[in-house]
Amino acid sequence: MNTNTKSTNAEAETEATYCPTAYATLFNKGLERVVEMSKTSLDLAVEQNAEVLASYKKAFKGSSLPGLFLFDLAGQAFESYVTLQKGLLDLTVEQSTAVLNAAKECSHDASKTKAEITNVIQQSVDRTVAAQNSVLDFAAKQAKAMNEAVKQQPGVSGTPVEAATDSVQRSVDTVVATQKELLKLATKPLKATAAKA
């Protein structure tokens, strides 16, 4: 038996045992593990950030430096950011799982397969829009929290600082509203295309 025949037989055996669904399932499990490791890293980052901010507050406590409350705001903002990141990681796994499940359910019936693919695309668009809206809501919430915290500081009321924070808040609100409208407009053609598919 020559070497070419051996390699051809090995290739034929490999092709016969190749199962895209099995590989997709393996990929999805790997993705889930990566996401869990990422979440653990984010939790550790929150702990580290809290320790660093606490040490800064302790170091500056006896000083005349105003605005130590900003350390608390920074900690809260970072924790909110991490929560958002975890949500986006979960969304990634959900979308991957949805695609995997759709692939498993695909049959030889072309219309059923088309309907499943359309459904997966629609769900993916909806999840992406929800994730983007979460990011925008997070930005608006953080800006509002910062605005309120600054206004509550002694001596801020009626000053240019208060006017500036109000201006920043209005600007953030305008940007968030505009981004949400643009997102809605951008997804209309995608949804229409998916509905026609």
N, C-alpha and C. Protein backbone atom coordinates (compact mmCIF):
# COMPACT_ATOMS: atom_id res chain seq x y z
N MET A 1 0.86 -1.17 0.00
CA MET A 1 0.00 0.00 0.00
C MET A 1 0.90 1.22 0.00
N ASN A 2 0.62 2.16 -0.94
CA ASN A 2 1.50 3.32 -1.00
C ASN A 2 1.02 4.43 -0.09
N THR A 3 1.86 5.46 0.10
CA THR A 3 1.59 6.55 1.02
C THR A 3 0.40 7.38 0.59
N ASN A 4 0.21 7.59 -0.71
CA ASN A 4 -0.93 8.37 -1.19
C ASN A 4 -2.26 7.71 -0.82
N THR A 5 -2.31 6.40 -0.90
CA THR A 5 -3.54 5.69 -0.56
C THR A 5 -3.85 5.85 0.92
N LYS A 6 -2.79 5.78 1.77
CA LYS A 6 -3.00 5.95 3.20
C LYS A 6 -3.54 7.33 3.52
N SER A 7 -2.97 8.38 2.90
CA SER A 7 -3.45 9.73 3.19
C SER A 7 -4.86 9.94 2.65
N THR A 8 -5.18 9.35 1.51
CA THR A 8 -6.53 9.47 0.96
C THR A 8 -7.53 8.78 1.87
N ASN A 9 -7.19 7.61 2.40
CA ASN A 9 -8.09 6.91 3.33
C ASN A 9 -8.28 7.72 4.60
N ALA A 10 -7.21 8.31 5.11
CA ALA A 10 -7.31 9.12 6.34
C ALA A 10 -8.19 10.34 6.09
N GLU A 11 -8.05 10.96 4.92
CA GLU A 11 -8.89 12.11 4.59
C GLU A 11 -10.35 11.70 4.48
N ALA A 12 -10.60 10.55 3.88
CA ALA A 12 -11.98 10.07 3.73
C ALA A 12 -12.59 9.80 5.10
N GLU A 13 -11.80 9.19 6.03
CA GLU A 13 -12.31 8.94 7.36
C GLU A 13 -12.61 10.26 8.08
N THR A 14 -11.74 11.26 7.90
CA THR A 14 -11.94 12.56 8.54
C THR A 14 -13.21 13.22 8.01
N GLU A 15 -13.41 13.16 6.70
CA GLU A 15 -14.61 13.76 6.11
C GLU A 15 -15.86 13.03 6.59
N ALA A 16 -15.79 11.75 6.75
CA ALA A 16 -16.95 10.97 7.16
C ALA A 16 -17.33 11.27 8.60
N THR A 17 -16.35 11.62 9.45
CA THR A 17 -16.66 11.86 10.85
C THR A 17 -16.84 13.34 11.18
N TYR A 18 -16.66 14.20 10.21
CA TYR A 18 -16.82 15.64 10.47
C TYR A 18 -18.28 15.95 10.74
N CYS A 19 -18.53 16.60 11.85
CA CYS A 19 -19.90 16.96 12.22
C CYS A 19 -19.91 18.43 12.65
N PRO A 20 -20.41 19.32 11.78
CA PRO A 20 -20.40 20.75 12.10
C PRO A 20 -21.09 21.08 13.41
N THR A 21 -22.18 20.40 13.72
CA THR A 21 -22.91 20.68 14.95
C THR A 21 -22.06 20.35 16.16
N ALA A 22 -21.32 19.24 16.10
CA ALA A 22 -20.45 18.87 17.22
C ALA A 22 -19.36 19.92 17.42
N TYR A 23 -18.78 20.40 16.33
CA TYR A 23 -17.75 21.43 16.44
C TYR A 23 -18.34 22.75 16.95
N ALA A 24 -19.54 23.06 16.51
CA ALA A 24 -20.20 24.28 16.98
C ALA A 24 -20.51 24.18 18.47
N THR A 25 -20.93 23.01 18.91
CA THR A 25 -21.21 22.80 20.33
C THR A 25 -19.92 22.95 21.14
N LEU A 26 -18.84 22.38 20.65
CA LEU A 26 -17.55 22.50 21.31
C LEU A 26 -17.10 23.96 21.37
N PHE A 27 -17.29 24.67 20.26
CA PHE A 27 -16.94 26.10 20.23
C PHE A 27 -17.76 26.87 21.27
N ASN A 28 -19.05 26.58 21.33
CA ASN A 28 -19.94 27.28 22.27
C ASN A 28 -19.53 27.02 23.71
N LYS A 29 -19.15 25.78 24.03
CA LYS A 29 -18.68 25.47 25.38
C LYS A 29 -17.41 26.24 25.69
N GLY A 30 -16.52 26.33 24.73
CA GLY A 30 -15.29 27.10 24.92
C GLY A 30 -15.60 28.58 25.15
N LEU A 31 -16.54 29.09 24.39
CA LEU A 31 -16.95 30.49 24.56
C LEU A 31 -17.53 30.72 25.95
N GLU A 32 -18.35 29.79 26.42
CA GLU A 32 -18.91 29.91 27.76
C GLU A 32 -17.81 29.95 28.82
N ARG A 33 -16.79 29.13 28.64
CA ARG A 33 -15.66 29.12 29.60
C ARG A 33 -14.90 30.44 29.56
N VAL A 34 -14.67 30.95 28.37
CA VAL A 34 -13.97 32.23 28.24
C VAL A 34 -14.77 33.35 28.90
N VAL A 35 -16.08 33.33 28.70
CA VAL A 35 -16.94 34.35 29.31
C VAL A 35 -16.89 34.24 30.83
N GLU A 36 -16.94 33.03 31.36
CA GLU A 36 -16.86 32.87 32.82
C GLU A 36 -15.53 33.37 33.36
N MET A 37 -14.44 33.07 32.65
CA MET A 37 -13.13 33.57 33.08
C MET A 37 -13.09 35.09 33.01
N SER A 38 -13.69 35.65 31.98
CA SER A 38 -13.74 37.11 31.84
C SER A 38 -14.52 37.73 32.99
N LYS A 39 -15.63 37.10 33.36
CA LYS A 39 -16.44 37.61 34.47
C LYS A 39 -15.65 37.56 35.78
N THR A 40 -14.91 36.48 35.97
CA THR A 40 -14.08 36.36 37.17
C THR A 40 -13.02 37.47 37.18
N SER A 41 -12.42 37.72 36.04
CA SER A 41 -11.43 38.81 35.95
C SER A 41 -12.07 40.16 36.25
N LEU A 42 -13.27 40.36 35.76
CA LEU A 42 -13.97 41.62 36.04
C LEU A 42 -14.28 41.76 37.53
N ASP A 43 -14.68 40.66 38.17
CA ASP A 43 -14.94 40.71 39.62
C ASP A 43 -13.67 41.07 40.38
N LEU A 44 -12.56 40.49 39.96
CA LEU A 44 -11.28 40.81 40.60
C LEU A 44 -10.90 42.28 40.37
N ALA A 45 -11.20 42.78 39.19
CA ALA A 45 -10.92 44.19 38.90
C ALA A 45 -11.75 45.11 39.78
N VAL A 46 -13.00 44.75 40.04
CA VAL A 46 -13.85 45.55 40.93
C VAL A 46 -13.26 45.56 42.34
N GLU A 47 -12.84 44.40 42.81
CA GLU A 47 -12.23 44.32 44.14
C GLU A 47 -10.96 45.19 44.21
N GLN A 48 -10.11 45.06 43.20
CA GLN A 48 -8.88 45.84 43.17
C GLN A 48 -9.18 47.33 43.12
N ASN A 49 -10.12 47.72 42.31
CA ASN A 49 -10.50 49.13 42.19
C ASN A 49 -11.00 49.67 43.53
N ALA A 50 -11.83 48.88 44.21
CA ALA A 50 -12.36 49.31 45.51
C ALA A 50 -11.22 49.50 46.52
N GLU A 51 -10.25 48.59 46.51
CA GLU A 51 -9.11 48.72 47.42
C GLU A 51 -8.28 49.96 47.11
N VAL A 52 -8.04 50.22 45.84
CA VAL A 52 -7.25 51.38 45.44
C VAL A 52 -7.98 52.67 45.83
N LEU A 53 -9.27 52.75 45.53
CA LEU A 53 -10.03 53.95 45.87
C LEU A 53 -10.10 54.16 47.38
N ALA A 54 -10.24 53.08 48.13
CA ALA A 54 -10.27 53.20 49.60
C ALA A 54 -8.93 53.73 50.11
N SER A 55 -7.84 53.26 49.53
CA SER A 55 -6.53 53.75 49.99
C SER A 55 -6.34 55.22 49.61
N TYR A 56 -6.82 55.63 48.45
CA TYR A 56 -6.74 57.06 48.07
C TYR A 56 -7.55 57.91 49.05
N LYS A 57 -8.78 57.47 49.34
CA LYS A 57 -9.62 58.23 50.27
C LYS A 57 -8.96 58.35 51.63
N LYS A 58 -8.36 57.26 52.08
CA LYS A 58 -7.69 57.26 53.38
C LYS A 58 -6.48 58.22 53.35
N ALA A 59 -5.74 58.19 52.27
CA ALA A 59 -4.55 59.04 52.16
C ALA A 59 -4.92 60.52 52.11
N PHE A 60 -6.03 60.85 51.45
CA PHE A 60 -6.41 62.25 51.29
C PHE A 60 -7.38 62.75 52.37
N LYS A 61 -7.80 61.87 53.26
CA LYS A 61 -8.81 62.23 54.24
C LYS A 61 -8.39 63.43 55.10
N GLY A 62 -7.18 63.49 55.55
CA GLY A 62 -6.73 64.58 56.40
C GLY A 62 -6.33 65.83 55.63
N SER A 63 -6.32 65.75 54.30
CA SER A 63 -5.89 66.90 53.49
C SER A 63 -7.05 67.87 53.27
N SER A 64 -6.73 68.98 52.70
CA SER A 64 -7.76 69.99 52.41
C SER A 64 -8.35 69.80 51.02
N LEU A 65 -8.07 68.67 50.39
CA LEU A 65 -8.55 68.39 49.05
C LEU A 65 -10.07 68.21 49.07
N PRO A 66 -10.81 69.08 48.35
CA PRO A 66 -12.27 68.91 48.31
C PRO A 66 -12.65 67.81 47.33
N GLY A 67 -13.84 67.32 47.48
CA GLY A 67 -14.37 66.39 46.48
C GLY A 67 -13.98 64.94 46.67
N LEU A 68 -13.76 64.50 47.90
CA LEU A 68 -13.45 63.09 48.10
C LEU A 68 -14.61 62.19 47.66
N PHE A 69 -15.81 62.78 47.57
CA PHE A 69 -16.97 62.01 47.12
C PHE A 69 -16.77 61.48 45.70
N LEU A 70 -15.89 62.12 44.95
CA LEU A 70 -15.63 61.66 43.58
C LEU A 70 -15.04 60.26 43.56
N PHE A 71 -14.31 59.89 44.62
CA PHE A 71 -13.78 58.53 44.69
C PHE A 71 -14.94 57.53 44.78
N ASP A 72 -15.96 57.88 45.56
CA ASP A 72 -17.14 57.00 45.66
C ASP A 72 -17.85 56.90 44.32
N LEU A 73 -17.99 58.04 43.65
CA LEU A 73 -18.63 58.03 42.33
C LEU A 73 -17.83 57.19 41.33
N ALA A 74 -16.52 57.33 41.40
CA ALA A 74 -15.68 56.54 40.48
C ALA A 74 -15.85 55.06 40.75
N GLY A 75 -15.92 54.68 42.02
CA GLY A 75 -16.13 53.27 42.36
C GLY A 75 -17.47 52.76 41.86
N GLN A 76 -18.52 53.56 42.07
CA GLN A 76 -19.85 53.16 41.60
C GLN A 76 -19.89 53.08 40.08
N ALA A 77 -19.25 54.02 39.42
CA ALA A 77 -19.23 54.00 37.95
C ALA A 77 -18.52 52.76 37.44
N PHE A 78 -17.41 52.42 38.08
CA PHE A 78 -16.67 51.23 37.64
C PHE A 78 -17.49 49.96 37.86
N GLU A 79 -18.15 49.86 39.01
CA GLU A 79 -18.99 48.69 39.28
C GLU A 79 -20.13 48.60 38.27
N SER A 80 -20.73 49.72 37.93
CA SER A 80 -21.80 49.72 36.94
C SER A 80 -21.27 49.30 35.57
N TYR A 81 -20.09 49.78 35.24
CA TYR A 81 -19.46 49.42 33.97
C TYR A 81 -19.23 47.91 33.92
N VAL A 82 -18.73 47.34 35.01
CA VAL A 82 -18.48 45.90 35.06
C VAL A 82 -19.78 45.12 34.92
N THR A 83 -20.83 45.58 35.57
CA THR A 83 -22.13 44.93 35.45
C THR A 83 -22.60 44.94 33.99
N LEU A 84 -22.41 46.08 33.34
CA LEU A 84 -22.77 46.20 31.93
C LEU A 84 -21.93 45.25 31.08
N GLN A 85 -20.63 45.19 31.33
CA GLN A 85 -19.75 44.30 30.58
C GLN A 85 -20.19 42.84 30.74
N LYS A 86 -20.54 42.46 31.96
CA LYS A 86 -21.00 41.09 32.20
C LYS A 86 -22.28 40.82 31.41
N GLY A 87 -23.16 41.80 31.37
CA GLY A 87 -24.39 41.64 30.58
C GLY A 87 -24.09 41.45 29.10
N LEU A 88 -23.12 42.19 28.60
CA LEU A 88 -22.75 42.05 27.19
C LEU A 88 -22.09 40.69 26.93
N LEU A 89 -21.31 40.21 27.89
CA LEU A 89 -20.73 38.87 27.75
C LEU A 89 -21.83 37.81 27.73
N ASP A 90 -22.81 37.96 28.61
CA ASP A 90 -23.95 37.03 28.61
C ASP A 90 -24.69 37.08 27.28
N LEU A 91 -24.84 38.27 26.73
CA LEU A 91 -25.50 38.43 25.44
C LEU A 91 -24.74 37.68 24.35
N THR A 92 -23.43 37.74 24.39
CA THR A 92 -22.61 37.02 23.41
C THR A 92 -22.88 35.53 23.47
N VAL A 93 -22.92 34.99 24.68
CA VAL A 93 -23.19 33.56 24.84
C VAL A 93 -24.61 33.24 24.37
N GLU A 94 -25.57 34.08 24.71
CA GLU A 94 -26.96 33.84 24.28
C GLU A 94 -27.05 33.81 22.76
N GLN A 95 -26.39 34.75 22.10
CA GLN A 95 -26.46 34.78 20.64
C GLN A 95 -25.77 33.56 20.03
N SER A 96 -24.64 33.19 20.60
CA SER A 96 -23.94 32.00 20.11
C SER A 96 -24.80 30.75 20.30
N THR A 97 -25.44 30.65 21.44
CA THR A 97 -26.31 29.51 21.71
C THR A 97 -27.51 29.50 20.76
N ALA A 98 -28.07 30.67 20.49
CA ALA A 98 -29.21 30.76 19.57
C ALA A 98 -28.82 30.30 18.18
N VAL A 99 -27.65 30.71 17.72
CA VAL A 99 -27.18 30.28 16.40
C VAL A 99 -26.95 28.78 16.39
N LEU A 100 -26.35 28.26 17.45
CA LEU A 100 -26.11 26.82 17.55
C LEU A 100 -27.42 26.04 17.53
N ASN A 101 -28.39 26.50 18.31
CA ASN A 101 -29.69 25.82 18.34
C ASN A 101 -30.38 25.88 16.98
N ALA A 102 -30.27 27.02 16.31
CA ALA A 102 -30.87 27.13 14.97
C ALA A 102 -30.18 26.18 14.01
N ALA A 103 -28.87 26.07 14.13
CA ALA A 103 -28.14 25.16 13.23
C ALA A 103 -28.55 23.71 13.48
N LYS A 104 -28.76 23.36 14.74
CA LYS A 104 -29.17 21.99 15.08
C LYS A 104 -30.55 21.69 14.52
N GLU A 105 -31.42 22.71 14.50
CA GLU A 105 -32.80 22.50 14.07
C GLU A 105 -32.98 22.59 12.56
N CYS A 106 -31.94 23.04 11.87
CA CYS A 106 -32.06 23.14 10.41
C CYS A 106 -32.32 21.75 9.84
N SER A 107 -33.23 21.71 8.93
CA SER A 107 -33.59 20.44 8.32
C SER A 107 -33.42 20.54 6.82
N HIS A 108 -33.88 19.53 6.16
CA HIS A 108 -33.82 19.53 4.70
C HIS A 108 -34.97 20.33 4.11
N ASP A 109 -35.88 20.78 4.95
CA ASP A 109 -37.00 21.61 4.51
C ASP A 109 -36.51 23.05 4.39
N ALA A 110 -36.37 23.53 3.16
CA ALA A 110 -35.79 24.85 2.90
C ALA A 110 -36.59 25.97 3.55
N SER A 111 -37.91 25.89 3.51
CA SER A 111 -38.71 26.97 4.09
C SER A 111 -38.58 27.01 5.61
N LYS A 112 -38.47 25.85 6.24
CA LYS A 112 -38.28 25.80 7.70
C LYS A 112 -36.90 26.36 8.07
N THR A 113 -35.90 25.97 7.31
CA THR A 113 -34.54 26.47 7.54
C THR A 113 -34.50 27.98 7.38
N LYS A 114 -35.14 28.47 6.33
CA LYS A 114 -35.20 29.91 6.08
C LYS A 114 -35.88 30.64 7.24
N ALA A 115 -36.97 30.07 7.73
CA ALA A 115 -37.69 30.68 8.85
C ALA A 115 -36.83 30.70 10.12
N GLU A 116 -36.09 29.62 10.36
CA GLU A 116 -35.21 29.55 11.53
C GLU A 116 -34.10 30.59 11.44
N ILE A 117 -33.49 30.71 10.28
CA ILE A 117 -32.41 31.68 10.09
C ILE A 117 -32.95 33.10 10.26
N THR A 118 -34.12 33.37 9.69
CA THR A 118 -34.75 34.68 9.84
C THR A 118 -35.01 34.99 11.31
N ASN A 119 -35.50 34.00 12.04
CA ASN A 119 -35.77 34.18 13.46
C ASN A 119 -34.49 34.48 14.23
N VAL A 120 -33.41 33.76 13.93
CA VAL A 120 -32.13 33.99 14.61
C VAL A 120 -31.61 35.39 14.31
N ILE A 121 -31.72 35.82 13.05
CA ILE A 121 -31.27 37.17 12.69
C ILE A 121 -32.09 38.22 13.44
N GLN A 122 -33.40 38.02 13.48
CA GLN A 122 -34.28 38.96 14.18
C GLN A 122 -33.93 39.04 15.66
N GLN A 123 -33.73 37.89 16.28
CA GLN A 123 -33.36 37.87 17.70
C GLN A 123 -32.01 38.54 17.92
N SER A 124 -31.08 38.30 17.03
CA SER A 124 -29.75 38.91 17.15
C SER A 124 -29.84 40.43 17.06
N VAL A 125 -30.62 40.92 16.12
CA VAL A 125 -30.80 42.38 15.99
C VAL A 125 -31.45 42.93 17.26
N ASP A 126 -32.48 42.25 17.75
CA ASP A 126 -33.17 42.72 18.96
C ASP A 126 -32.22 42.74 20.16
N ARG A 127 -31.41 41.70 20.30
CA ARG A 127 -30.47 41.65 21.43
C ARG A 127 -29.40 42.72 21.30
N THR A 128 -28.94 42.95 20.10
CA THR A 128 -27.92 43.98 19.89
C THR A 128 -28.48 45.36 20.22
N VAL A 129 -29.70 45.61 19.79
CA VAL A 129 -30.36 46.89 20.11
C VAL A 129 -30.52 47.03 21.62
N ALA A 130 -30.94 45.97 22.28
CA ALA A 130 -31.11 46.02 23.73
C ALA A 130 -29.77 46.29 24.42
N ALA A 131 -28.70 45.67 23.93
CA ALA A 131 -27.38 45.89 24.52
C ALA A 131 -26.93 47.34 24.31
N GLN A 132 -27.13 47.86 23.11
CA GLN A 132 -26.75 49.25 22.84
C GLN A 132 -27.56 50.21 23.70
N ASN A 133 -28.84 49.92 23.85
CA ASN A 133 -29.68 50.77 24.71
C ASN A 133 -29.21 50.71 26.16
N SER A 134 -28.75 49.55 26.59
CA SER A 134 -28.22 49.42 27.96
C SER A 134 -26.99 50.29 28.14
N VAL A 135 -26.13 50.30 27.15
CA VAL A 135 -24.92 51.12 27.21
C VAL A 135 -25.31 52.60 27.28
N LEU A 136 -26.26 53.00 26.46
CA LEU A 136 -26.70 54.40 26.46
C LEU A 136 -27.37 54.76 27.78
N ASP A 137 -28.20 53.88 28.30
CA ASP A 137 -28.84 54.14 29.59
C ASP A 137 -27.80 54.24 30.70
N PHE A 138 -26.79 53.41 30.62
CA PHE A 138 -25.70 53.45 31.60
C PHE A 138 -25.01 54.81 31.57
N ALA A 139 -24.71 55.30 30.37
CA ALA A 139 -24.05 56.60 30.25
C ALA A 139 -24.92 57.71 30.83
N ALA A 140 -26.22 57.66 30.54
CA ALA A 140 -27.13 58.68 31.06
C ALA A 140 -27.23 58.60 32.58
N LYS A 141 -27.30 57.40 33.11
CA LYS A 141 -27.40 57.20 34.55
C LYS A 141 -26.14 57.72 35.26
N GLN A 142 -24.98 57.44 34.70
CA GLN A 142 -23.73 57.88 35.31
C GLN A 142 -23.63 59.41 35.28
N ALA A 143 -24.02 60.02 34.17
CA ALA A 143 -23.97 61.48 34.07
C ALA A 143 -24.92 62.11 35.08
N LYS A 144 -26.09 61.53 35.23
CA LYS A 144 -27.06 62.06 36.20
C LYS A 144 -26.54 61.91 37.63
N ALA A 145 -25.95 60.77 37.94
CA ALA A 145 -25.41 60.55 39.29
C ALA A 145 -24.29 61.55 39.59
N MET A 146 -23.44 61.77 38.62
CA MET A 146 -22.35 62.74 38.80
C MET A 146 -22.92 64.14 39.00
N ASN A 147 -23.91 64.50 38.20
CA ASN A 147 -24.55 65.81 38.31
C ASN A 147 -25.14 66.01 39.69
N GLU A 148 -25.88 65.03 40.17
CA GLU A 148 -26.51 65.13 41.49
C GLU A 148 -25.47 65.20 42.61
N ALA A 149 -24.42 64.41 42.48
CA ALA A 149 -23.38 64.41 43.51
C ALA A 149 -22.67 65.76 43.58
N VAL A 150 -22.40 66.36 42.44
CA VAL A 150 -21.74 67.67 42.42
C VAL A 150 -22.66 68.72 43.02
N LYS A 151 -23.94 68.69 42.67
CA LYS A 151 -24.89 69.67 43.17
C LYS A 151 -25.08 69.59 44.69
N GLN A 152 -24.89 68.42 45.25
CA GLN A 152 -25.09 68.24 46.69
C GLN A 152 -23.89 68.73 47.51
N GLN A 153 -22.82 69.08 46.85
CA GLN A 153 -21.65 69.56 47.58
C GLN A 153 -21.88 70.97 48.10
N PRO A 154 -21.36 71.26 49.28
CA PRO A 154 -21.54 72.60 49.84
C PRO A 154 -20.93 73.68 48.94
N GLY A 155 -21.65 74.77 48.79
CA GLY A 155 -21.15 75.91 48.03
C GLY A 155 -21.31 75.81 46.53
N VAL A 156 -21.98 74.79 46.03
CA VAL A 156 -22.14 74.62 44.58
C VAL A 156 -23.41 75.28 44.08
N SER A 157 -24.45 75.29 44.89
CA SER A 157 -25.74 75.82 44.49
C SER A 157 -25.63 77.27 44.04
N GLY A 158 -26.17 77.56 42.85
CA GLY A 158 -26.19 78.92 42.31
C GLY A 158 -24.87 79.39 41.72
N THR A 159 -23.90 78.51 41.61
CA THR A 159 -22.58 78.90 41.08
C THR A 159 -22.45 78.44 39.62
N PRO A 160 -21.41 78.91 38.95
CA PRO A 160 -21.15 78.43 37.59
C PRO A 160 -20.91 76.92 37.52
N VAL A 161 -20.44 76.34 38.61
CA VAL A 161 -20.23 74.88 38.63
C VAL A 161 -21.58 74.17 38.46
N GLU A 162 -22.60 74.66 39.16
CA GLU A 162 -23.92 74.05 39.03
C GLU A 162 -24.45 74.22 37.60
N ALA A 163 -24.27 75.39 37.04
CA ALA A 163 -24.72 75.63 35.66
C ALA A 163 -23.97 74.72 34.68
N ALA A 164 -22.68 74.52 34.93
CA ALA A 164 -21.88 73.66 34.03
C ALA A 164 -22.34 72.21 34.13
N THR A 165 -22.60 71.74 35.35
CA THR A 165 -23.04 70.35 35.49
C THR A 165 -24.42 70.14 34.85
N ASP A 166 -25.29 71.15 34.97
CA ASP A 166 -26.59 71.06 34.30
C ASP A 166 -26.44 71.02 32.79
N SER A 167 -25.52 71.80 32.29
CA SER A 167 -25.25 71.83 30.85
C SER A 167 -24.72 70.49 30.37
N VAL A 168 -23.80 69.91 31.13
CA VAL A 168 -23.27 68.60 30.78
C VAL A 168 -24.39 67.56 30.79
N GLN A 169 -25.25 67.63 31.79
CA GLN A 169 -26.36 66.67 31.88
C GLN A 169 -27.28 66.79 30.66
N ARG A 170 -27.62 68.00 30.28
CA ARG A 170 -28.48 68.20 29.10
C ARG A 170 -27.79 67.67 27.83
N SER A 171 -26.51 67.91 27.73
CA SER A 171 -25.76 67.42 26.56
C SER A 171 -25.77 65.90 26.49
N VAL A 172 -25.52 65.26 27.62
CA VAL A 172 -25.54 63.79 27.65
C VAL A 172 -26.93 63.27 27.29
N ASP A 173 -27.96 63.88 27.85
CA ASP A 173 -29.33 63.45 27.54
C ASP A 173 -29.63 63.58 26.05
N THR A 174 -29.16 64.69 25.44
CA THR A 174 -29.38 64.90 24.01
C THR A 174 -28.64 63.85 23.18
N VAL A 175 -27.39 63.58 23.55
CA VAL A 175 -26.60 62.58 22.81
C VAL A 175 -27.24 61.21 22.94
N VAL A 176 -27.67 60.84 24.13
CA VAL A 176 -28.29 59.53 24.34
C VAL A 176 -29.57 59.41 23.52
N ALA A 177 -30.42 60.44 23.56
CA ALA A 177 -31.67 60.40 22.79
C ALA A 177 -31.38 60.29 21.29
N THR A 178 -30.39 61.04 20.83
CA THR A 178 -30.03 60.99 19.40
C THR A 178 -29.49 59.62 19.01
N GLN A 179 -28.63 59.06 19.86
CA GLN A 179 -28.07 57.73 19.56
C GLN A 179 -29.16 56.66 19.52
N LYS A 180 -30.11 56.75 20.43
CA LYS A 180 -31.21 55.77 20.43
C LYS A 180 -32.05 55.89 19.17
N GLU A 181 -32.29 57.12 18.74
CA GLU A 181 -33.07 57.32 17.51
C GLU A 181 -32.30 56.80 16.30
N LEU A 182 -30.99 57.08 16.25
CA LEU A 182 -30.16 56.57 15.15
C LEU A 182 -30.13 55.04 15.15
N LEU A 183 -30.07 54.45 16.32
CA LEU A 183 -30.07 53.00 16.42
C LEU A 183 -31.38 52.42 15.90
N LYS A 184 -32.47 53.07 16.25
CA LYS A 184 -33.78 52.62 15.78
C LYS A 184 -33.86 52.72 14.26
N LEU A 185 -33.39 53.84 13.71
CA LEU A 185 -33.40 54.02 12.26
C LEU A 185 -32.49 53.02 11.56
N ALA A 186 -31.34 52.74 12.16
CA ALA A 186 -30.38 51.82 11.54
C ALA A 186 -30.89 50.38 11.52
N THR A 187 -31.69 50.01 12.50
CA THR A 187 -32.15 48.62 12.56
C THR A 187 -33.41 48.37 11.72
N LYS A 188 -34.11 49.42 11.33
CA LYS A 188 -35.31 49.21 10.51
C LYS A 188 -35.02 48.44 9.23
N PRO A 189 -33.98 48.83 8.45
CA PRO A 189 -33.70 48.06 7.23
C PRO A 189 -33.30 46.61 7.53
N LEU A 190 -32.58 46.38 8.62
CA LEU A 190 -32.18 45.01 8.97
C LEU A 190 -33.41 44.17 9.28
N LYS A 191 -34.33 44.74 10.04
CA LYS A 191 -35.55 44.00 10.40
C LYS A 191 -36.40 43.75 9.15
N ALA A 192 -36.48 44.75 8.28
CA ALA A 192 -37.26 44.59 7.05
C ALA A 192 -36.66 43.51 6.16
N THR A 193 -35.34 43.49 6.06
CA THR A 193 -34.66 42.48 5.26
C THR A 193 -34.88 41.09 5.84
N ALA A 194 -34.76 40.99 7.17
CA ALA A 194 -34.96 39.69 7.82
C ALA A 194 -36.40 39.21 7.63
N ALA A 195 -37.35 40.13 7.66
CA ALA A 195 -38.76 39.75 7.48
C ALA A 195 -39.03 39.26 6.06
N LYS A 196 -38.32 39.81 5.09
CA LYS A 196 -38.51 39.40 3.69
C LYS A 196 -37.80 38.12 3.36
N ALA A 197 -36.80 37.76 4.15
CA ALA A 197 -35.97 36.58 3.83
C ALA A 197 -36.76 35.29 3.88
